[in-house]
Amino acid sequence: MSCSGDGEPEIPVTVAPLKLSVAKRHHRTHANLWHVYKYNKECFCNTLFLFRFAAMVYVLLINFFSFIIFGLDKRKAVLHRRRISETALLGISFLGGSIGSIVAMLIFRHKISKTSFLLKFGGIVLIQVALIYFFEKKYWDWS
């Protein structure tokens, strides 16, 4: 068996008769997927590539969003308008936007003198670093 260029495995397709129950069709689908994985692992590398690509796009977008939100909060602070809550800022950072938050804090000079915010933010960064370390050590295959 080989893998075509679009990532779909070339296996014979069997059509289940209409009188099969939903449970049997579901079981047959899983059996076919296991057959494809067992004998054609290189096709599943495309799925892993797509997952990694989606993760990178997510990280880029959440960091860009975090940067913009920190900039908006600084602008609102200068104009003496209603601000974005610290909980929201820390939540965006926790969801993966810590790099964008750090860059925004340095560029806009925003939230850099508030010790309680910096301690909470530092805790979020430490948690993220620990999660990345353990995830890469256990699951990530760079080969």
N, C-alpha and C. Protein backbone atom coordinates (compact mmCIF):
# COMPACT_ATOMS: atom_id res chain seq x y z
N MET A 1 0.83 -1.18 0.00
CA MET A 1 0.00 0.00 0.00
C MET A 1 0.87 1.24 0.00
N SER A 2 0.41 2.23 -0.68
CA SER A 2 1.16 3.48 -0.73
C SER A 2 0.25 4.62 -0.33
N CYS A 3 0.86 5.77 -0.17
CA CYS A 3 0.13 6.95 0.24
C CYS A 3 0.13 7.92 -0.93
N SER A 4 -1.03 8.38 -1.35
CA SER A 4 -1.10 9.32 -2.45
C SER A 4 -0.64 10.69 -1.97
N GLY A 5 -0.47 11.62 -2.89
CA GLY A 5 0.07 12.94 -2.58
C GLY A 5 -0.80 13.76 -1.65
N ASP A 6 -2.11 13.51 -1.63
CA ASP A 6 -2.98 14.32 -0.81
C ASP A 6 -3.14 13.79 0.60
N GLY A 7 -2.39 12.76 0.98
CA GLY A 7 -2.42 12.27 2.34
C GLY A 7 -3.44 11.18 2.58
N GLU A 8 -4.24 10.84 1.57
CA GLU A 8 -5.24 9.80 1.73
C GLU A 8 -4.64 8.45 1.35
N PRO A 9 -4.79 7.45 2.19
CA PRO A 9 -4.24 6.14 1.89
C PRO A 9 -5.04 5.47 0.77
N GLU A 10 -4.34 4.71 -0.06
CA GLU A 10 -4.98 3.99 -1.14
C GLU A 10 -5.28 2.58 -0.66
N ILE A 11 -6.49 2.38 -0.14
CA ILE A 11 -6.91 1.06 0.29
C ILE A 11 -8.23 0.76 -0.40
N PRO A 12 -8.53 -0.50 -0.59
CA PRO A 12 -9.81 -0.79 -1.23
C PRO A 12 -10.96 -0.36 -0.33
N VAL A 13 -11.93 0.25 -0.94
CA VAL A 13 -13.08 0.75 -0.19
C VAL A 13 -14.19 -0.29 -0.27
N THR A 14 -14.70 -0.70 0.87
CA THR A 14 -15.81 -1.63 0.90
C THR A 14 -17.05 -0.88 1.33
N VAL A 15 -18.14 -1.13 0.66
CA VAL A 15 -19.39 -0.47 0.97
C VAL A 15 -20.20 -1.40 1.86
N ALA A 16 -20.58 -0.92 3.02
CA ALA A 16 -21.36 -1.73 3.94
C ALA A 16 -22.79 -1.82 3.45
N PRO A 17 -23.41 -2.99 3.58
CA PRO A 17 -24.81 -3.08 3.19
C PRO A 17 -25.67 -2.19 4.07
N LEU A 18 -26.79 -1.75 3.54
CA LEU A 18 -27.64 -0.82 4.26
C LEU A 18 -28.29 -1.43 5.49
N LYS A 19 -28.39 -2.76 5.56
CA LYS A 19 -29.07 -3.35 6.69
C LYS A 19 -28.19 -3.50 7.93
N LEU A 20 -26.91 -3.07 7.87
CA LEU A 20 -26.06 -3.12 9.06
C LEU A 20 -26.52 -2.07 10.07
N SER A 21 -26.42 -2.40 11.33
CA SER A 21 -26.79 -1.45 12.36
C SER A 21 -25.72 -0.37 12.47
N VAL A 22 -26.06 0.71 13.15
CA VAL A 22 -25.12 1.82 13.33
C VAL A 22 -23.89 1.35 14.09
N ALA A 23 -24.07 0.52 15.10
CA ALA A 23 -22.93 0.04 15.90
C ALA A 23 -21.98 -0.78 15.04
N LYS A 24 -22.51 -1.64 14.17
CA LYS A 24 -21.65 -2.45 13.32
C LYS A 24 -20.90 -1.59 12.32
N ARG A 25 -21.59 -0.58 11.74
CA ARG A 25 -20.90 0.31 10.80
C ARG A 25 -19.81 1.10 11.51
N HIS A 26 -20.10 1.52 12.75
CA HIS A 26 -19.11 2.26 13.53
C HIS A 26 -17.89 1.38 13.80
N HIS A 27 -18.12 0.11 14.16
CA HIS A 27 -17.03 -0.83 14.41
C HIS A 27 -16.22 -1.06 13.15
N ARG A 28 -16.90 -1.20 12.01
CA ARG A 28 -16.19 -1.44 10.75
C ARG A 28 -15.32 -0.24 10.39
N THR A 29 -15.80 0.97 10.66
CA THR A 29 -15.02 2.18 10.37
C THR A 29 -13.75 2.19 11.20
N HIS A 30 -13.87 1.87 12.49
CA HIS A 30 -12.68 1.83 13.33
C HIS A 30 -11.72 0.73 12.90
N ALA A 31 -12.23 -0.40 12.46
CA ALA A 31 -11.37 -1.47 11.99
C ALA A 31 -10.62 -1.04 10.75
N ASN A 32 -11.30 -0.34 9.83
CA ASN A 32 -10.63 0.15 8.63
C ASN A 32 -9.56 1.17 8.97
N LEU A 33 -9.84 2.08 9.93
CA LEU A 33 -8.84 3.07 10.33
C LEU A 33 -7.62 2.39 10.95
N TRP A 34 -7.85 1.38 11.77
CA TRP A 34 -6.73 0.68 12.37
C TRP A 34 -5.91 -0.03 11.29
N HIS A 35 -6.57 -0.60 10.30
CA HIS A 35 -5.87 -1.27 9.19
C HIS A 35 -4.99 -0.26 8.45
N VAL A 36 -5.54 0.92 8.18
CA VAL A 36 -4.77 1.95 7.48
C VAL A 36 -3.57 2.37 8.32
N TYR A 37 -3.77 2.58 9.63
CA TYR A 37 -2.67 3.00 10.48
C TYR A 37 -1.61 1.92 10.59
N LYS A 38 -2.04 0.69 10.74
CA LYS A 38 -1.10 -0.41 10.96
C LYS A 38 -0.19 -0.62 9.74
N TYR A 39 -0.76 -0.53 8.55
CA TYR A 39 0.02 -0.84 7.36
C TYR A 39 0.49 0.38 6.58
N ASN A 40 0.12 1.55 7.01
CA ASN A 40 0.47 2.73 6.23
C ASN A 40 0.73 3.92 7.16
N LYS A 41 1.70 3.79 8.04
CA LYS A 41 1.97 4.81 9.06
C LYS A 41 2.45 6.12 8.47
N GLU A 42 3.09 6.10 7.31
CA GLU A 42 3.61 7.35 6.75
C GLU A 42 2.50 8.32 6.39
N CYS A 43 1.31 7.84 6.10
CA CYS A 43 0.21 8.75 5.80
C CYS A 43 -0.23 9.51 7.04
N PHE A 44 -0.10 8.90 8.19
CA PHE A 44 -0.49 9.57 9.42
C PHE A 44 0.51 10.64 9.82
N CYS A 45 1.69 10.64 9.19
CA CYS A 45 2.63 11.74 9.42
C CYS A 45 2.04 13.04 8.90
N ASN A 46 1.22 12.98 7.85
CA ASN A 46 0.57 14.18 7.34
C ASN A 46 -0.39 14.74 8.38
N THR A 47 -1.09 13.86 9.09
CA THR A 47 -1.99 14.31 10.14
C THR A 47 -1.21 14.98 11.26
N LEU A 48 -0.08 14.41 11.63
CA LEU A 48 0.76 15.00 12.66
C LEU A 48 1.30 16.35 12.20
N PHE A 49 1.66 16.45 10.92
CA PHE A 49 2.12 17.72 10.38
C PHE A 49 1.01 18.77 10.47
N LEU A 50 -0.22 18.38 10.12
CA LEU A 50 -1.33 19.32 10.19
C LEU A 50 -1.60 19.76 11.63
N PHE A 51 -1.47 18.84 12.57
CA PHE A 51 -1.66 19.19 13.98
C PHE A 51 -0.60 20.20 14.42
N ARG A 52 0.66 19.94 14.06
CA ARG A 52 1.73 20.87 14.43
C ARG A 52 1.53 22.23 13.78
N PHE A 53 1.11 22.22 12.51
CA PHE A 53 0.87 23.47 11.81
C PHE A 53 -0.27 24.26 12.47
N ALA A 54 -1.35 23.55 12.82
CA ALA A 54 -2.48 24.21 13.49
C ALA A 54 -2.05 24.77 14.84
N ALA A 55 -1.20 24.05 15.56
CA ALA A 55 -0.72 24.53 16.85
C ALA A 55 0.12 25.79 16.68
N MET A 56 0.97 25.82 15.66
CA MET A 56 1.79 27.01 15.42
C MET A 56 0.93 28.21 15.03
N VAL A 57 -0.09 27.98 14.19
CA VAL A 57 -0.98 29.08 13.80
C VAL A 57 -1.73 29.59 15.03
N TYR A 58 -2.20 28.68 15.89
CA TYR A 58 -2.89 29.09 17.11
C TYR A 58 -1.99 29.96 17.99
N VAL A 59 -0.75 29.53 18.18
CA VAL A 59 0.17 30.28 19.04
C VAL A 59 0.44 31.66 18.45
N LEU A 60 0.63 31.73 17.14
CA LEU A 60 0.85 33.04 16.51
C LEU A 60 -0.37 33.95 16.67
N LEU A 61 -1.56 33.42 16.43
CA LEU A 61 -2.77 34.24 16.53
C LEU A 61 -3.06 34.68 17.96
N ILE A 62 -2.90 33.79 18.93
CA ILE A 62 -3.20 34.16 20.32
C ILE A 62 -2.18 35.18 20.83
N ASN A 63 -0.94 35.09 20.38
CA ASN A 63 0.06 36.07 20.79
C ASN A 63 -0.20 37.42 20.14
N PHE A 64 -0.60 37.43 18.88
CA PHE A 64 -0.95 38.68 18.22
C PHE A 64 -2.15 39.32 18.91
N PHE A 65 -3.17 38.50 19.23
CA PHE A 65 -4.36 38.99 19.93
C PHE A 65 -3.98 39.54 21.30
N SER A 66 -3.11 38.85 22.01
CA SER A 66 -2.67 39.31 23.33
C SER A 66 -1.94 40.65 23.23
N PHE A 67 -1.09 40.78 22.24
CA PHE A 67 -0.37 42.03 22.01
C PHE A 67 -1.35 43.18 21.78
N ILE A 68 -2.35 42.94 20.95
CA ILE A 68 -3.35 43.98 20.65
C ILE A 68 -4.15 44.34 21.90
N ILE A 69 -4.56 43.36 22.68
CA ILE A 69 -5.36 43.61 23.88
C ILE A 69 -4.56 44.42 24.90
N PHE A 70 -3.29 44.08 25.09
CA PHE A 70 -2.45 44.86 26.02
C PHE A 70 -2.29 46.29 25.51
N GLY A 71 -2.13 46.46 24.20
CA GLY A 71 -2.03 47.80 23.64
C GLY A 71 -3.30 48.60 23.82
N LEU A 72 -4.46 47.94 23.63
CA LEU A 72 -5.74 48.63 23.85
C LEU A 72 -5.92 49.03 25.31
N ASP A 73 -5.50 48.15 26.22
CA ASP A 73 -5.62 48.48 27.63
C ASP A 73 -4.74 49.68 27.99
N LYS A 74 -3.56 49.73 27.43
CA LYS A 74 -2.68 50.88 27.67
C LYS A 74 -3.31 52.16 27.11
N ARG A 75 -3.88 52.06 25.92
CA ARG A 75 -4.52 53.23 25.31
C ARG A 75 -5.69 53.71 26.17
N LYS A 76 -6.49 52.78 26.68
CA LYS A 76 -7.60 53.14 27.55
C LYS A 76 -7.11 53.76 28.85
N ALA A 77 -5.98 53.29 29.35
CA ALA A 77 -5.42 53.86 30.57
C ALA A 77 -4.99 55.31 30.35
N VAL A 78 -4.39 55.57 29.21
CA VAL A 78 -3.94 56.94 28.90
C VAL A 78 -5.13 57.87 28.74
N LEU A 79 -6.22 57.38 28.13
CA LEU A 79 -7.41 58.20 27.89
C LEU A 79 -8.37 58.22 29.08
N HIS A 80 -8.01 57.58 30.19
CA HIS A 80 -8.84 57.50 31.40
C HIS A 80 -10.22 56.92 31.11
N ARG A 81 -10.24 55.87 30.31
CA ARG A 81 -11.48 55.17 30.00
C ARG A 81 -11.54 53.86 30.78
N ARG A 82 -12.68 53.19 30.65
CA ARG A 82 -12.84 51.91 31.34
C ARG A 82 -11.85 50.90 30.77
N ARG A 83 -11.14 50.20 31.67
CA ARG A 83 -10.02 49.35 31.29
C ARG A 83 -10.44 47.90 31.12
N ILE A 84 -9.55 47.13 30.53
CA ILE A 84 -9.70 45.69 30.43
C ILE A 84 -9.20 45.10 31.75
N SER A 85 -9.94 44.16 32.31
CA SER A 85 -9.60 43.64 33.63
C SER A 85 -8.30 42.85 33.60
N GLU A 86 -7.64 42.83 34.75
CA GLU A 86 -6.41 42.04 34.87
C GLU A 86 -6.68 40.56 34.67
N THR A 87 -7.86 40.12 35.11
CA THR A 87 -8.22 38.72 34.93
C THR A 87 -8.27 38.36 33.45
N ALA A 88 -8.84 39.25 32.63
CA ALA A 88 -8.90 39.01 31.20
C ALA A 88 -7.50 39.00 30.59
N LEU A 89 -6.66 39.95 31.01
CA LEU A 89 -5.29 39.99 30.49
C LEU A 89 -4.50 38.73 30.87
N LEU A 90 -4.64 38.31 32.11
CA LEU A 90 -3.95 37.10 32.55
C LEU A 90 -4.53 35.85 31.89
N GLY A 91 -5.84 35.85 31.65
CA GLY A 91 -6.47 34.71 30.98
C GLY A 91 -5.97 34.54 29.56
N ILE A 92 -5.84 35.64 28.84
CA ILE A 92 -5.32 35.58 27.47
C ILE A 92 -3.87 35.09 27.50
N SER A 93 -3.12 35.55 28.46
CA SER A 93 -1.73 35.09 28.59
C SER A 93 -1.69 33.60 28.91
N PHE A 94 -2.59 33.13 29.76
CA PHE A 94 -2.62 31.72 30.14
C PHE A 94 -2.99 30.84 28.95
N LEU A 95 -3.83 31.33 28.06
CA LEU A 95 -4.24 30.54 26.89
C LEU A 95 -3.17 30.46 25.82
N GLY A 96 -2.00 31.01 26.08
CA GLY A 96 -0.89 30.88 25.14
C GLY A 96 -0.33 32.19 24.64
N GLY A 97 -0.87 33.30 25.10
CA GLY A 97 -0.41 34.59 24.61
C GLY A 97 0.63 35.26 25.46
N SER A 98 1.43 34.49 26.17
CA SER A 98 2.40 35.10 27.08
C SER A 98 3.52 35.82 26.34
N ILE A 99 3.94 35.32 25.20
CA ILE A 99 5.01 36.00 24.46
C ILE A 99 4.51 37.34 23.93
N GLY A 100 3.31 37.36 23.37
CA GLY A 100 2.73 38.63 22.93
C GLY A 100 2.52 39.59 24.07
N SER A 101 2.18 39.06 25.25
CA SER A 101 1.99 39.91 26.42
C SER A 101 3.30 40.53 26.87
N ILE A 102 4.36 39.73 26.88
CA ILE A 102 5.68 40.25 27.29
C ILE A 102 6.14 41.34 26.34
N VAL A 103 6.00 41.09 25.04
CA VAL A 103 6.41 42.09 24.05
C VAL A 103 5.60 43.38 24.21
N ALA A 104 4.28 43.23 24.41
CA ALA A 104 3.43 44.41 24.59
C ALA A 104 3.78 45.15 25.87
N MET A 105 4.06 44.42 26.94
CA MET A 105 4.43 45.07 28.20
C MET A 105 5.71 45.88 28.04
N LEU A 106 6.64 45.37 27.26
CA LEU A 106 7.90 46.09 27.07
C LEU A 106 7.75 47.26 26.11
N ILE A 107 7.01 47.07 25.02
CA ILE A 107 6.86 48.15 24.03
C ILE A 107 6.00 49.28 24.57
N PHE A 108 4.84 48.92 25.16
CA PHE A 108 3.91 49.94 25.65
C PHE A 108 4.21 50.39 27.08
N ARG A 109 5.19 49.76 27.72
CA ARG A 109 5.53 50.03 29.11
C ARG A 109 4.26 49.98 29.97
N HIS A 110 3.58 48.84 29.85
CA HIS A 110 2.28 48.67 30.49
C HIS A 110 2.34 47.50 31.46
N LYS A 111 1.88 47.73 32.68
CA LYS A 111 1.81 46.71 33.73
C LYS A 111 3.19 46.22 34.17
N ILE A 112 4.23 47.01 33.96
CA ILE A 112 5.56 46.55 34.34
C ILE A 112 5.95 46.98 35.75
N SER A 113 5.18 47.86 36.36
CA SER A 113 5.52 48.29 37.71
C SER A 113 4.53 47.76 38.75
N LYS A 114 3.55 46.99 38.32
CA LYS A 114 2.55 46.45 39.24
C LYS A 114 3.00 45.06 39.69
N THR A 115 3.49 44.97 40.92
CA THR A 115 4.11 43.74 41.42
C THR A 115 3.14 42.56 41.45
N SER A 116 1.91 42.79 41.90
CA SER A 116 0.96 41.67 42.00
C SER A 116 0.67 41.08 40.62
N PHE A 117 0.53 41.94 39.62
CA PHE A 117 0.29 41.46 38.25
C PHE A 117 1.50 40.69 37.74
N LEU A 118 2.70 41.21 37.98
CA LEU A 118 3.91 40.55 37.51
C LEU A 118 4.12 39.19 38.17
N LEU A 119 3.77 39.06 39.45
CA LEU A 119 3.88 37.76 40.12
C LEU A 119 2.92 36.74 39.52
N LYS A 120 1.68 37.16 39.29
CA LYS A 120 0.71 36.26 38.66
C LYS A 120 1.14 35.89 37.25
N PHE A 121 1.61 36.87 36.51
CA PHE A 121 2.06 36.63 35.14
C PHE A 121 3.27 35.70 35.12
N GLY A 122 4.19 35.91 36.04
CA GLY A 122 5.36 35.03 36.15
C GLY A 122 4.96 33.59 36.46
N GLY A 123 3.95 33.42 37.31
CA GLY A 123 3.45 32.08 37.59
C GLY A 123 2.86 31.42 36.36
N ILE A 124 2.15 32.19 35.55
CA ILE A 124 1.59 31.64 34.30
C ILE A 124 2.71 31.22 33.36
N VAL A 125 3.73 32.06 33.23
CA VAL A 125 4.85 31.72 32.35
C VAL A 125 5.57 30.47 32.84
N LEU A 126 5.77 30.34 34.14
CA LEU A 126 6.42 29.14 34.68
C LEU A 126 5.59 27.88 34.41
N ILE A 127 4.28 27.98 34.57
CA ILE A 127 3.41 26.83 34.27
C ILE A 127 3.51 26.46 32.80
N GLN A 128 3.51 27.46 31.92
CA GLN A 128 3.61 27.17 30.49
C GLN A 128 4.94 26.54 30.13
N VAL A 129 6.02 27.03 30.71
CA VAL A 129 7.33 26.45 30.43
C VAL A 129 7.39 25.01 30.91
N ALA A 130 6.85 24.73 32.07
CA ALA A 130 6.84 23.36 32.59
C ALA A 130 6.00 22.45 31.69
N LEU A 131 4.83 22.93 31.25
CA LEU A 131 3.98 22.12 30.37
C LEU A 131 4.66 21.84 29.03
N ILE A 132 5.30 22.84 28.47
CA ILE A 132 6.02 22.64 27.20
C ILE A 132 7.15 21.65 27.38
N TYR A 133 7.89 21.76 28.47
CA TYR A 133 9.00 20.85 28.72
C TYR A 133 8.52 19.40 28.82
N PHE A 134 7.49 19.16 29.63
CA PHE A 134 7.01 17.80 29.80
C PHE A 134 6.32 17.27 28.54
N PHE A 135 5.62 18.14 27.80
CA PHE A 135 4.98 17.71 26.56
C PHE A 135 6.02 17.30 25.54
N GLU A 136 7.06 18.11 25.37
CA GLU A 136 8.10 17.77 24.40
C GLU A 136 8.85 16.52 24.81
N LYS A 137 9.11 16.38 26.10
CA LYS A 137 9.86 15.22 26.57
C LYS A 137 9.08 13.92 26.34
N LYS A 138 7.77 13.99 26.54
CA LYS A 138 6.98 12.75 26.47
C LYS A 138 6.41 12.48 25.08
N TYR A 139 5.91 13.49 24.38
CA TYR A 139 5.14 13.26 23.18
C TYR A 139 5.77 13.73 21.88
N TRP A 140 6.63 14.70 21.90
CA TRP A 140 7.11 15.30 20.67
C TRP A 140 8.23 14.47 20.07
N ASP A 141 8.10 14.13 18.81
CA ASP A 141 9.14 13.38 18.10
C ASP A 141 9.70 14.29 17.01
N TRP A 142 10.94 14.69 17.16
CA TRP A 142 11.54 15.63 16.21
C TRP A 142 12.11 14.94 14.98
N SER A 143 12.01 13.62 14.91
CA SER A 143 12.57 12.93 13.73
C SER A 143 11.63 12.95 12.55
